[in-house]
N, C-alpha and C. Protein backbone atom coordinates (compact mmCIF):
# COMPACT_ATOMS: atom_id res chain seq x y z
N LYS A 1 135.64 120.87 93.03
CA LYS A 1 136.75 120.26 93.64
C LYS A 1 136.40 119.18 94.67
N GLN A 2 135.37 119.52 95.49
CA GLN A 2 134.86 118.50 96.48
C GLN A 2 134.39 117.17 95.72
N GLU A 3 133.71 117.45 94.61
CA GLU A 3 133.15 116.29 93.83
C GLU A 3 134.26 115.48 93.28
N ASN A 4 135.21 116.09 92.75
CA ASN A 4 136.42 115.45 92.14
C ASN A 4 137.09 114.63 93.25
N GLN A 5 137.29 115.26 94.50
CA GLN A 5 137.89 114.50 95.61
C GLN A 5 137.11 113.30 95.93
N ARG A 6 135.80 113.37 96.02
CA ARG A 6 135.03 112.18 96.34
C ARG A 6 135.20 111.08 95.35
N MET A 7 135.25 111.44 94.10
CA MET A 7 135.47 110.47 92.97
C MET A 7 136.74 109.77 93.18
N THR A 8 137.79 110.52 93.48
CA THR A 8 139.07 109.75 93.59
C THR A 8 139.14 108.92 94.81
N ASP A 9 138.30 109.10 95.76
CA ASP A 9 138.35 108.36 97.03
C ASP A 9 137.61 106.97 96.86
N VAL A 10 136.94 106.76 95.74
CA VAL A 10 136.18 105.52 95.51
C VAL A 10 137.13 104.33 95.23
N ASP A 11 136.89 103.28 95.96
CA ASP A 11 137.79 102.17 95.77
C ASP A 11 137.29 101.32 94.50
N VAL A 12 137.95 101.42 93.36
CA VAL A 12 137.51 100.76 92.22
C VAL A 12 137.38 99.29 92.33
N THR A 13 138.11 98.63 93.28
CA THR A 13 138.14 97.25 93.47
C THR A 13 136.79 96.75 93.97
N THR A 14 135.91 97.63 94.49
CA THR A 14 134.70 97.25 95.11
C THR A 14 133.53 97.44 94.08
N SER A 15 133.81 97.89 92.85
CA SER A 15 132.91 98.15 91.82
C SER A 15 132.12 96.88 91.45
N GLN A 16 130.71 96.93 91.28
CA GLN A 16 129.99 95.84 90.82
C GLN A 16 129.84 95.71 89.27
N ILE A 17 130.48 96.72 88.55
CA ILE A 17 130.39 96.64 87.10
C ILE A 17 131.29 95.54 86.57
N LYS A 18 130.74 94.74 85.64
CA LYS A 18 131.49 93.67 85.05
C LYS A 18 131.31 93.79 83.55
N LEU A 19 132.41 93.53 82.84
CA LEU A 19 132.45 93.56 81.38
C LEU A 19 132.33 92.22 80.85
N SER A 20 131.35 92.03 79.97
CA SER A 20 131.17 90.69 79.33
C SER A 20 131.84 90.74 77.93
N PRO A 21 132.34 89.60 77.51
CA PRO A 21 132.88 89.55 76.11
C PRO A 21 131.84 89.70 75.00
N LEU A 22 132.23 90.40 74.01
CA LEU A 22 131.32 90.69 72.89
C LEU A 22 130.85 89.35 72.28
N ASP A 23 129.66 89.39 71.91
CA ASP A 23 128.99 88.13 71.22
C ASP A 23 129.34 88.26 69.69
N LEU A 24 130.38 87.58 69.31
CA LEU A 24 130.81 87.67 67.95
C LEU A 24 129.97 86.78 67.09
N PRO A 25 129.70 87.18 65.80
CA PRO A 25 128.85 86.33 64.95
C PRO A 25 129.47 84.95 64.81
N GLN A 26 128.56 83.90 64.70
CA GLN A 26 128.93 82.61 64.61
C GLN A 26 128.33 81.88 63.38
N PRO A 27 129.03 81.17 62.63
CA PRO A 27 128.38 80.56 61.45
C PRO A 27 127.39 79.47 61.82
N LYS A 28 126.34 79.40 60.98
CA LYS A 28 125.37 78.42 61.13
C LYS A 28 125.90 76.95 60.83
N GLY A 29 125.37 76.00 61.49
CA GLY A 29 125.84 74.59 61.26
C GLY A 29 125.31 74.03 60.04
N SER A 30 126.16 73.35 59.37
CA SER A 30 125.72 72.60 58.09
C SER A 30 126.90 71.66 57.65
N ARG A 31 126.47 70.59 57.02
CA ARG A 31 127.52 69.72 56.59
C ARG A 31 128.18 70.27 55.36
N MET A 32 129.55 70.00 55.22
CA MET A 32 130.21 70.45 54.06
C MET A 32 129.75 69.64 52.86
N PRO A 33 129.66 70.32 51.68
CA PRO A 33 129.08 69.65 50.47
C PRO A 33 130.32 68.94 49.83
N LEU A 34 130.65 67.80 50.28
CA LEU A 34 131.79 66.99 49.86
C LEU A 34 131.50 66.05 48.69
N THR A 35 130.25 65.93 48.31
CA THR A 35 129.94 65.01 47.23
C THR A 35 129.68 65.76 45.94
N ASN A 36 129.88 65.09 44.90
CA ASN A 36 129.79 65.73 43.53
C ASN A 36 130.56 67.05 43.36
N ILE A 37 131.85 66.97 43.66
CA ILE A 37 132.72 68.08 43.58
C ILE A 37 133.99 67.75 42.75
N ILE A 38 134.70 68.75 42.29
CA ILE A 38 135.99 68.62 41.78
C ILE A 38 136.86 69.54 42.56
N ARG A 39 137.92 69.02 43.16
CA ARG A 39 138.84 69.81 43.93
C ARG A 39 139.95 70.39 43.01
N TRP A 40 140.23 71.68 43.16
CA TRP A 40 141.20 72.29 42.32
C TRP A 40 142.32 72.85 43.27
N GLU A 41 143.60 72.59 42.95
CA GLU A 41 144.72 73.02 43.69
C GLU A 41 145.71 73.85 42.84
N PRO A 42 146.38 74.90 43.37
CA PRO A 42 147.28 75.61 42.71
C PRO A 42 148.48 74.71 42.23
N ASN A 43 149.15 75.10 41.16
CA ASN A 43 150.32 74.27 40.60
C ASN A 43 151.46 74.25 41.62
N SER A 44 151.69 75.33 42.32
CA SER A 44 152.83 75.38 43.31
C SER A 44 152.28 75.80 44.61
N LYS A 45 152.40 74.93 45.64
CA LYS A 45 151.90 75.16 46.99
C LYS A 45 153.03 75.78 47.82
N THR A 46 152.79 77.01 48.27
CA THR A 46 153.79 77.65 49.04
C THR A 46 153.35 77.75 50.50
N TYR A 47 152.11 77.39 50.87
CA TYR A 47 151.65 77.41 52.11
C TYR A 47 152.08 76.32 52.99
N LYS A 48 152.23 75.11 52.41
CA LYS A 48 152.70 73.89 53.08
C LYS A 48 151.85 73.56 54.32
N ASN A 49 152.45 73.97 55.55
CA ASN A 49 151.77 73.66 56.82
C ASN A 49 150.69 74.60 57.21
N GLN A 50 150.46 75.63 56.46
CA GLN A 50 149.40 76.62 56.80
C GLN A 50 147.96 76.06 56.54
N VAL A 51 147.13 76.36 57.38
CA VAL A 51 145.73 75.88 57.24
C VAL A 51 144.82 77.10 56.97
N PRO A 52 143.98 77.11 55.91
CA PRO A 52 143.16 78.29 55.66
C PRO A 52 142.03 78.40 56.58
N MET A 53 141.59 79.58 56.88
CA MET A 53 140.55 79.86 57.78
C MET A 53 139.24 79.13 57.38
N VAL A 54 138.96 79.21 56.12
CA VAL A 54 137.76 78.46 55.52
C VAL A 54 138.18 77.69 54.35
N SER A 55 137.33 76.66 54.02
CA SER A 55 137.35 75.97 52.69
C SER A 55 136.34 76.62 51.79
N VAL A 56 136.72 76.77 50.55
CA VAL A 56 135.93 77.46 49.56
C VAL A 56 135.29 76.48 48.59
N PHE A 57 133.95 76.59 48.43
CA PHE A 57 133.16 75.85 47.41
C PHE A 57 132.50 76.92 46.53
N VAL A 58 132.51 76.66 45.22
CA VAL A 58 131.89 77.55 44.23
C VAL A 58 130.99 76.85 43.23
N THR A 59 129.76 77.35 43.09
CA THR A 59 128.89 76.77 42.25
C THR A 59 129.33 77.10 40.73
N GLN A 60 128.90 76.29 39.86
CA GLN A 60 129.31 76.49 38.38
C GLN A 60 128.77 77.73 37.85
N PRO A 61 127.55 78.15 38.07
CA PRO A 61 127.08 79.38 37.62
C PRO A 61 127.85 80.58 38.00
N ALA A 62 128.31 80.50 39.36
CA ALA A 62 129.13 81.62 39.90
C ALA A 62 130.50 81.64 39.19
N LEU A 63 131.08 80.51 38.95
CA LEU A 63 132.38 80.50 38.23
C LEU A 63 132.26 81.05 36.90
N SER A 64 131.17 80.62 36.23
CA SER A 64 130.94 81.10 34.79
C SER A 64 130.76 82.60 34.76
N THR A 65 129.99 83.15 35.75
CA THR A 65 129.75 84.55 35.73
C THR A 65 131.07 85.24 36.05
N CYS A 66 131.92 84.82 36.90
CA CYS A 66 133.22 85.47 37.15
C CYS A 66 134.05 85.59 35.94
N VAL A 67 134.22 84.45 35.20
CA VAL A 67 134.98 84.42 34.00
C VAL A 67 134.35 85.37 32.95
N SER A 68 133.05 85.45 32.89
CA SER A 68 132.41 86.32 31.82
C SER A 68 132.72 87.72 32.27
N PHE A 69 132.60 88.06 33.47
CA PHE A 69 132.95 89.54 33.82
C PHE A 69 134.44 89.72 33.57
N ALA A 70 135.24 88.83 33.85
CA ALA A 70 136.69 89.05 33.71
C ALA A 70 137.02 89.23 32.29
N GLU A 71 136.45 88.46 31.43
CA GLU A 71 136.75 88.61 29.90
C GLU A 71 136.02 89.79 29.24
N SER A 72 135.22 90.52 29.93
CA SER A 72 134.56 91.65 29.44
C SER A 72 135.46 92.92 29.16
N ASP A 73 136.59 92.83 29.86
CA ASP A 73 137.58 93.94 29.63
C ASP A 73 138.99 93.32 29.80
N LEU A 74 139.77 93.10 28.76
CA LEU A 74 140.97 92.51 28.84
C LEU A 74 142.14 93.61 29.00
N LYS A 75 141.72 94.72 29.05
CA LYS A 75 142.82 95.82 29.23
C LYS A 75 142.74 96.54 30.68
N ASN A 76 141.54 96.64 31.26
CA ASN A 76 141.49 97.22 32.52
C ASN A 76 140.85 96.17 33.58
N GLU A 77 141.21 96.55 34.81
CA GLU A 77 140.80 95.72 35.93
C GLU A 77 139.26 95.86 36.02
N THR A 78 138.69 94.85 36.49
CA THR A 78 137.22 94.87 36.79
C THR A 78 136.95 94.03 38.07
N GLY A 79 135.82 94.09 38.63
CA GLY A 79 135.61 93.35 39.86
C GLY A 79 134.24 93.42 40.44
N GLY A 80 134.06 92.93 41.64
CA GLY A 80 132.68 92.90 42.26
C GLY A 80 132.74 92.11 43.50
N TRP A 81 131.53 91.70 43.97
CA TRP A 81 131.28 91.05 45.21
C TRP A 81 131.02 89.55 44.93
N LEU A 82 131.37 88.80 45.91
CA LEU A 82 131.03 87.30 45.98
C LEU A 82 130.16 87.11 47.08
N LEU A 83 128.86 86.59 46.76
CA LEU A 83 127.76 86.35 47.74
C LEU A 83 127.55 84.75 47.83
N GLY A 84 127.08 84.47 49.04
CA GLY A 84 126.85 83.07 49.36
C GLY A 84 126.43 82.86 50.75
N LYS A 85 127.13 81.82 51.35
CA LYS A 85 126.81 81.62 52.83
C LYS A 85 128.10 81.17 53.42
N TRP A 86 128.17 81.51 54.76
CA TRP A 86 129.35 81.08 55.65
C TRP A 86 128.79 80.18 56.66
N ARG A 87 129.41 78.93 56.70
CA ARG A 87 128.88 77.85 57.50
C ARG A 87 130.09 77.16 58.24
N LYS A 88 129.64 76.25 59.14
CA LYS A 88 130.62 75.49 59.80
C LYS A 88 130.07 74.03 60.01
N ASP A 89 130.92 73.14 59.58
CA ASP A 89 130.60 71.72 59.78
C ASP A 89 131.12 71.38 61.18
N TYR A 90 130.20 71.36 62.19
CA TYR A 90 130.63 71.27 63.49
C TYR A 90 131.12 69.80 63.84
N LYS A 91 130.70 68.87 63.03
CA LYS A 91 131.26 67.47 63.25
C LYS A 91 132.76 67.40 62.83
N ARG A 92 133.09 68.19 61.73
CA ARG A 92 134.51 68.18 61.29
C ARG A 92 135.23 69.38 61.95
N ASN A 93 134.51 70.25 62.57
CA ASN A 93 135.07 71.50 63.23
C ASN A 93 135.78 72.30 62.23
N GLN A 94 135.09 72.48 61.12
CA GLN A 94 135.76 73.25 60.02
C GLN A 94 134.67 74.20 59.41
N GLN A 95 135.22 75.45 59.17
CA GLN A 95 134.36 76.57 58.64
C GLN A 95 134.59 76.46 57.07
N TYR A 96 133.48 76.88 56.36
CA TYR A 96 133.62 76.91 54.93
C TYR A 96 132.66 77.93 54.37
N ILE A 97 132.86 78.39 53.14
CA ILE A 97 131.93 79.29 52.41
C ILE A 97 131.56 78.65 51.18
N VAL A 98 130.32 78.99 50.65
CA VAL A 98 129.83 78.57 49.38
C VAL A 98 129.55 79.83 48.60
N VAL A 99 130.27 80.06 47.44
CA VAL A 99 129.95 81.18 46.63
C VAL A 99 128.96 80.77 45.55
N ASP A 100 127.79 81.35 45.57
CA ASP A 100 126.84 81.06 44.52
C ASP A 100 126.28 82.15 43.76
N THR A 101 126.64 83.45 44.07
CA THR A 101 126.23 84.57 43.35
C THR A 101 127.28 85.61 43.17
N VAL A 102 127.43 86.23 41.99
CA VAL A 102 128.45 87.20 41.74
C VAL A 102 127.92 88.54 41.25
N LEU A 103 128.29 89.54 41.89
CA LEU A 103 127.70 90.91 41.52
C LEU A 103 128.86 91.72 40.93
N GLN A 104 128.78 92.18 39.66
CA GLN A 104 129.82 93.06 39.11
C GLN A 104 129.63 94.51 39.64
N ALA A 105 130.67 95.10 40.05
CA ALA A 105 130.66 96.36 40.56
C ALA A 105 130.52 97.49 39.41
N GLN A 106 129.64 98.37 39.60
CA GLN A 106 129.46 99.54 38.64
C GLN A 106 130.18 100.78 39.35
N PHE A 107 130.31 101.86 38.57
CA PHE A 107 130.72 103.08 39.17
C PHE A 107 132.19 102.98 39.89
N THR A 108 133.01 102.00 39.36
CA THR A 108 134.30 101.93 39.86
C THR A 108 135.22 102.89 39.15
N ARG A 109 136.39 103.12 39.74
CA ARG A 109 137.43 103.78 39.08
C ARG A 109 138.58 102.61 38.83
N ASN A 110 138.96 102.55 37.51
CA ASN A 110 139.84 101.47 37.25
C ASN A 110 140.80 101.90 36.11
N SER A 111 141.81 101.11 35.98
CA SER A 111 142.78 101.31 34.76
C SER A 111 143.41 99.89 34.61
N SER A 112 144.45 99.84 33.88
CA SER A 112 145.17 98.61 33.61
C SER A 112 145.89 98.01 34.86
N THR A 113 146.05 98.82 35.86
CA THR A 113 146.85 98.39 37.07
C THR A 113 146.14 98.58 38.38
N TYR A 114 144.86 99.12 38.40
CA TYR A 114 144.26 99.17 39.67
C TYR A 114 142.66 99.20 39.43
N LEU A 115 142.00 98.91 40.58
CA LEU A 115 140.55 98.95 40.70
C LEU A 115 140.13 99.55 42.05
N THR A 116 139.29 100.60 41.94
CA THR A 116 138.79 101.22 43.26
C THR A 116 137.34 101.07 43.30
N PHE A 117 136.77 100.62 44.41
CA PHE A 117 135.39 100.61 44.75
C PHE A 117 134.95 102.04 45.27
N THR A 118 134.31 102.78 44.50
CA THR A 118 133.91 104.10 44.99
C THR A 118 132.70 104.02 45.92
N GLN A 119 132.36 105.07 46.53
CA GLN A 119 131.21 105.07 47.39
C GLN A 119 129.93 104.61 46.66
N ASP A 120 129.76 105.19 45.51
CA ASP A 120 128.64 104.84 44.67
C ASP A 120 128.51 103.36 44.33
N SER A 121 129.79 102.73 44.11
CA SER A 121 129.76 101.34 43.75
C SER A 121 129.41 100.55 45.02
N GLN A 122 129.80 100.87 46.18
CA GLN A 122 129.49 100.20 47.32
C GLN A 122 128.01 100.35 47.72
N VAL A 123 127.47 101.45 47.43
CA VAL A 123 126.10 101.69 47.80
C VAL A 123 125.21 100.85 46.87
N SER A 124 125.60 100.81 45.61
CA SER A 124 124.83 100.09 44.56
C SER A 124 124.92 98.59 44.85
N LEU A 125 126.09 98.08 45.22
CA LEU A 125 126.26 96.63 45.49
C LEU A 125 125.48 96.23 46.76
N ARG A 126 125.48 97.17 47.76
CA ARG A 126 124.78 96.82 48.97
C ARG A 126 123.23 96.79 48.73
N ARG A 127 122.76 97.80 47.79
CA ARG A 127 121.35 97.76 47.52
C ARG A 127 120.97 96.43 46.77
N LEU A 128 121.80 96.01 45.88
CA LEU A 128 121.57 94.77 45.16
C LEU A 128 121.48 93.61 46.15
N LEU A 129 122.48 93.65 47.05
CA LEU A 129 122.50 92.50 48.00
C LEU A 129 121.20 92.51 48.93
N ASP A 130 120.76 93.59 49.29
CA ASP A 130 119.62 93.67 50.24
C ASP A 130 118.26 93.42 49.47
N GLU A 131 118.22 94.02 48.23
CA GLU A 131 116.91 93.93 47.52
C GLU A 131 116.76 92.63 46.72
N LYS A 132 117.80 92.21 46.03
CA LYS A 132 117.71 91.10 45.09
C LYS A 132 118.20 89.77 45.76
N HIS A 133 119.02 89.83 46.75
CA HIS A 133 119.64 88.61 47.34
C HIS A 133 119.44 88.65 48.79
N PRO A 134 118.24 88.88 49.43
CA PRO A 134 118.20 88.79 50.89
C PRO A 134 118.54 87.45 51.42
N GLY A 135 119.19 87.47 52.58
CA GLY A 135 119.52 86.21 53.19
C GLY A 135 120.93 85.75 52.86
N LYS A 136 121.52 86.27 51.73
CA LYS A 136 122.90 85.86 51.33
C LYS A 136 123.86 86.71 52.14
N GLU A 137 125.08 86.16 52.24
CA GLU A 137 126.13 86.89 52.99
C GLU A 137 127.30 87.29 52.03
N LEU A 138 127.89 88.40 52.33
CA LEU A 138 128.98 88.94 51.55
C LEU A 138 130.25 88.12 52.02
N VAL A 139 130.64 87.10 51.19
CA VAL A 139 131.68 86.29 51.50
C VAL A 139 133.02 86.60 50.96
N GLY A 140 133.06 87.65 50.17
CA GLY A 140 134.34 88.11 49.62
C GLY A 140 134.15 88.96 48.35
N TRP A 141 135.18 89.06 47.58
CA TRP A 141 135.19 89.87 46.39
C TRP A 141 136.13 89.28 45.36
N PHE A 142 135.98 89.73 44.09
CA PHE A 142 136.92 89.28 42.99
C PHE A 142 137.31 90.56 42.30
N HIS A 143 138.46 90.39 41.63
CA HIS A 143 138.90 91.42 40.67
C HIS A 143 139.92 90.81 39.65
N THR A 144 140.25 91.47 38.62
CA THR A 144 141.12 90.90 37.63
C THR A 144 142.39 91.58 37.53
N HIS A 145 143.37 90.89 36.99
CA HIS A 145 144.75 91.49 36.78
C HIS A 145 145.14 91.16 35.27
N PRO A 146 144.61 91.86 34.34
CA PRO A 146 144.96 91.51 32.92
C PRO A 146 146.38 91.62 32.62
N ASN A 147 146.93 90.56 32.15
CA ASN A 147 148.43 90.59 31.81
C ASN A 147 149.40 90.73 32.96
N MET A 148 148.85 90.62 34.27
CA MET A 148 149.82 90.92 35.26
C MET A 148 150.01 89.64 36.22
N GLY A 149 149.19 88.61 36.14
CA GLY A 149 149.47 87.47 36.99
C GLY A 149 148.39 87.48 38.20
N VAL A 150 148.59 86.40 38.98
CA VAL A 150 147.66 86.26 40.11
C VAL A 150 148.35 86.58 41.43
N PHE A 151 148.02 87.76 42.01
CA PHE A 151 148.61 88.07 43.30
C PHE A 151 147.76 89.25 43.80
N LEU A 152 148.03 89.65 45.03
CA LEU A 152 147.36 90.84 45.70
C LEU A 152 148.42 92.01 45.82
N SER A 153 148.09 93.07 45.20
CA SER A 153 149.03 94.26 45.37
C SER A 153 148.91 94.78 46.78
N HIS A 154 149.73 95.79 47.09
CA HIS A 154 149.67 96.49 48.41
C HIS A 154 148.31 97.17 48.51
N TYR A 155 147.77 97.65 47.46
CA TYR A 155 146.39 98.37 47.59
C TYR A 155 145.32 97.25 47.75
N ASP A 156 145.54 96.12 47.03
CA ASP A 156 144.51 95.06 47.19
C ASP A 156 144.45 94.52 48.56
N LEU A 157 145.66 94.43 49.21
CA LEU A 157 145.72 93.94 50.64
C LEU A 157 145.05 94.99 51.58
N TRP A 158 145.28 96.33 51.34
CA TRP A 158 144.61 97.32 52.06
C TRP A 158 143.13 97.30 51.90
N LEU A 159 142.66 97.18 50.68
CA LEU A 159 141.18 97.15 50.44
C LEU A 159 140.63 95.92 51.13
N HIS A 160 141.25 94.75 51.00
CA HIS A 160 140.70 93.56 51.67
C HIS A 160 140.64 93.72 53.17
N GLN A 161 141.67 94.24 53.77
CA GLN A 161 141.59 94.34 55.27
C GLN A 161 140.47 95.44 55.70
N HIS A 162 140.23 96.43 54.92
CA HIS A 162 139.35 97.53 55.40
C HIS A 162 137.95 97.24 54.97
N PHE A 163 137.75 96.65 53.77
CA PHE A 163 136.42 96.41 53.33
C PHE A 163 135.83 95.01 53.50
N PHE A 164 136.81 94.09 53.67
CA PHE A 164 136.37 92.70 53.93
C PHE A 164 137.23 92.11 55.11
N PRO A 165 136.97 92.66 56.26
CA PRO A 165 137.70 92.40 57.43
C PRO A 165 137.44 91.07 58.12
N GLU A 166 136.33 90.43 57.83
CA GLU A 166 136.04 89.10 58.50
C GLU A 166 137.07 88.10 58.02
N LYS A 167 137.44 87.35 58.93
CA LYS A 167 138.55 86.31 58.71
C LYS A 167 138.06 85.31 57.71
N TRP A 168 136.76 85.11 57.54
CA TRP A 168 136.30 84.15 56.60
C TRP A 168 135.99 84.68 55.17
N GLN A 169 136.19 86.00 54.96
CA GLN A 169 135.93 86.54 53.77
C GLN A 169 137.12 86.44 52.85
N VAL A 170 136.92 86.17 51.64
CA VAL A 170 138.10 85.69 50.70
C VAL A 170 138.24 86.71 49.48
N ALA A 171 139.32 86.62 48.78
CA ALA A 171 139.54 87.43 47.53
C ALA A 171 139.89 86.49 46.44
N LEU A 172 139.14 86.68 45.33
CA LEU A 172 139.46 85.84 44.11
C LEU A 172 140.10 86.78 43.09
N VAL A 173 141.29 86.39 42.53
CA VAL A 173 141.92 87.19 41.53
C VAL A 173 142.01 86.32 40.26
N LEU A 174 141.51 86.94 39.14
CA LEU A 174 141.57 86.28 37.90
C LEU A 174 142.45 87.01 36.87
N GLU A 175 143.20 86.23 36.08
CA GLU A 175 143.98 86.87 35.09
C GLU A 175 143.38 86.25 33.77
N PRO A 176 142.55 87.17 33.08
CA PRO A 176 141.71 86.69 31.94
C PRO A 176 142.51 86.46 30.76
N VAL A 177 143.73 87.04 30.53
CA VAL A 177 144.47 86.80 29.32
C VAL A 177 145.16 85.48 29.35
N SER A 178 145.85 85.12 30.37
CA SER A 178 146.54 83.79 30.45
C SER A 178 145.54 82.80 31.01
N ARG A 179 144.34 83.19 31.41
CA ARG A 179 143.26 82.25 31.96
C ARG A 179 143.83 81.61 33.23
N ALA A 180 144.11 82.31 34.23
CA ALA A 180 144.58 81.82 35.52
C ALA A 180 143.82 82.48 36.69
N GLY A 181 143.77 81.91 37.82
CA GLY A 181 143.07 82.40 38.95
C GLY A 181 143.36 81.75 40.20
N GLY A 182 143.00 82.38 41.36
CA GLY A 182 143.18 81.81 42.56
C GLY A 182 142.51 82.47 43.74
N PHE A 183 142.22 81.78 44.77
CA PHE A 183 141.54 82.33 45.95
C PHE A 183 142.49 82.60 47.03
N PHE A 184 142.54 83.84 47.55
CA PHE A 184 143.40 84.23 48.64
C PHE A 184 142.47 84.24 49.96
N ILE A 185 143.03 83.42 50.90
CA ILE A 185 142.29 83.12 52.13
C ILE A 185 143.18 83.29 53.24
N ARG A 186 142.62 83.97 54.33
CA ARG A 186 143.41 84.16 55.57
C ARG A 186 143.69 82.77 56.16
N THR A 187 144.80 82.63 56.80
CA THR A 187 145.17 81.41 57.54
C THR A 187 144.59 81.43 58.91
N GLN A 188 144.76 80.42 59.71
CA GLN A 188 144.14 80.34 60.95
C GLN A 188 144.68 81.48 61.93
N ASP A 189 145.94 81.83 61.70
CA ASP A 189 146.45 83.06 62.52
C ASP A 189 146.08 84.38 62.08
N GLY A 190 145.26 84.42 60.98
CA GLY A 190 144.91 85.69 60.40
C GLY A 190 145.77 86.29 59.30
N THR A 191 146.79 85.55 58.93
CA THR A 191 147.72 85.98 57.96
C THR A 191 147.09 85.91 56.63
N LEU A 192 147.33 86.95 55.71
CA LEU A 192 146.88 86.90 54.33
C LEU A 192 148.16 87.14 53.45
N ALA A 193 148.63 86.15 52.74
CA ALA A 193 149.76 86.29 51.83
C ALA A 193 149.35 86.92 50.61
N SER A 194 150.33 87.62 49.91
CA SER A 194 149.98 88.40 48.75
C SER A 194 150.30 87.58 47.46
N ARG A 195 150.96 86.53 47.53
CA ARG A 195 151.25 85.79 46.35
C ARG A 195 151.04 84.25 46.39
N SER A 196 150.46 83.85 47.53
CA SER A 196 150.16 82.47 47.69
C SER A 196 148.73 82.25 47.86
N TYR A 197 148.08 81.33 47.18
CA TYR A 197 146.68 81.21 47.30
C TYR A 197 146.35 79.67 47.38
N PHE A 198 145.21 79.40 47.97
CA PHE A 198 144.75 78.00 48.30
C PHE A 198 143.90 77.53 47.11
N GLY A 199 143.55 76.20 47.15
CA GLY A 199 142.68 75.57 46.22
C GLY A 199 141.24 75.85 46.64
N PHE A 200 140.33 75.30 45.81
CA PHE A 200 138.88 75.54 46.03
C PHE A 200 138.22 74.21 45.43
N SER A 201 136.90 74.11 45.76
CA SER A 201 136.15 72.95 45.24
C SER A 201 134.99 73.56 44.43
N GLU A 202 134.91 72.97 43.12
CA GLU A 202 133.89 73.29 42.20
C GLU A 202 132.70 72.34 42.44
N LEU A 203 131.53 72.89 42.73
CA LEU A 203 130.32 72.15 42.98
C LEU A 203 129.72 71.85 41.53
N LEU A 204 129.67 70.58 41.22
CA LEU A 204 129.32 70.17 39.85
C LEU A 204 127.78 70.27 39.74
N GLY A 205 127.35 70.67 38.51
CA GLY A 205 125.95 70.71 38.18
C GLY A 205 125.47 69.35 37.73
N ARG A 206 124.29 69.28 37.08
CA ARG A 206 123.75 68.04 36.66
C ARG A 206 124.60 67.38 35.63
N GLY A 207 125.27 68.08 34.77
CA GLY A 207 126.02 67.41 33.76
C GLY A 207 127.36 66.85 34.31
N ARG A 208 127.76 67.22 35.48
CA ARG A 208 128.88 66.70 36.14
C ARG A 208 130.21 66.86 35.35
N GLN A 209 130.27 67.89 34.54
CA GLN A 209 131.47 68.35 33.79
C GLN A 209 132.01 69.68 34.33
N SER A 210 133.25 69.76 34.42
CA SER A 210 133.79 70.98 34.99
C SER A 210 133.66 72.15 34.02
N VAL A 211 133.55 73.38 34.56
CA VAL A 211 133.57 74.59 33.69
C VAL A 211 134.75 75.39 33.90
N VAL A 212 135.74 74.87 34.70
CA VAL A 212 137.01 75.59 35.04
C VAL A 212 137.99 75.27 33.86
N ASP A 213 138.50 76.26 33.30
CA ASP A 213 139.59 76.13 32.27
C ASP A 213 140.70 77.08 32.68
N TRP A 214 140.86 77.45 33.86
CA TRP A 214 141.90 78.30 34.24
C TRP A 214 142.69 77.80 35.45
């Protein structure tokens, strides 16, 4: 009781303890790759005055790999991770990501209407990231909606918020039957819409011809 009394008598205003803000990760500086690209925009823009947290650039091999994975099963959802780099063009004061590697998830639970990353699939993907692609960052994920359209379901939103919580991580949804797709990106205020998506830039290869047909 005496010890408790002494503790309550301490004037907390005289404490020398100071709390410092957490050092949040910051993107490395680099110029945005604005040359030799094709810019793709959705047919209908519903964001209007909204600004995405990051601009998205995708290499042609990564685009082709996503489409190949998407077309491997036209009845059930499939998906995986998007790897690359998170950067900031400090001169433009704009963040961006470059998607250059795609990993298809194994050991998932899926059907025609949902896709679940199991613990085994997460462990497998993390091992591939660490062992085969050291230095790359997990910039987002992709999954398909065969015959359903391009949107994020309630479960997709939950999965994105819990497994891809960084504001710069994105979600790509592909509809392989009608050959459509779009990137879902958080806006500057952290909002993630379920049916509106932003455009992206295709990084052209040596042939300078697009591989996008969706």
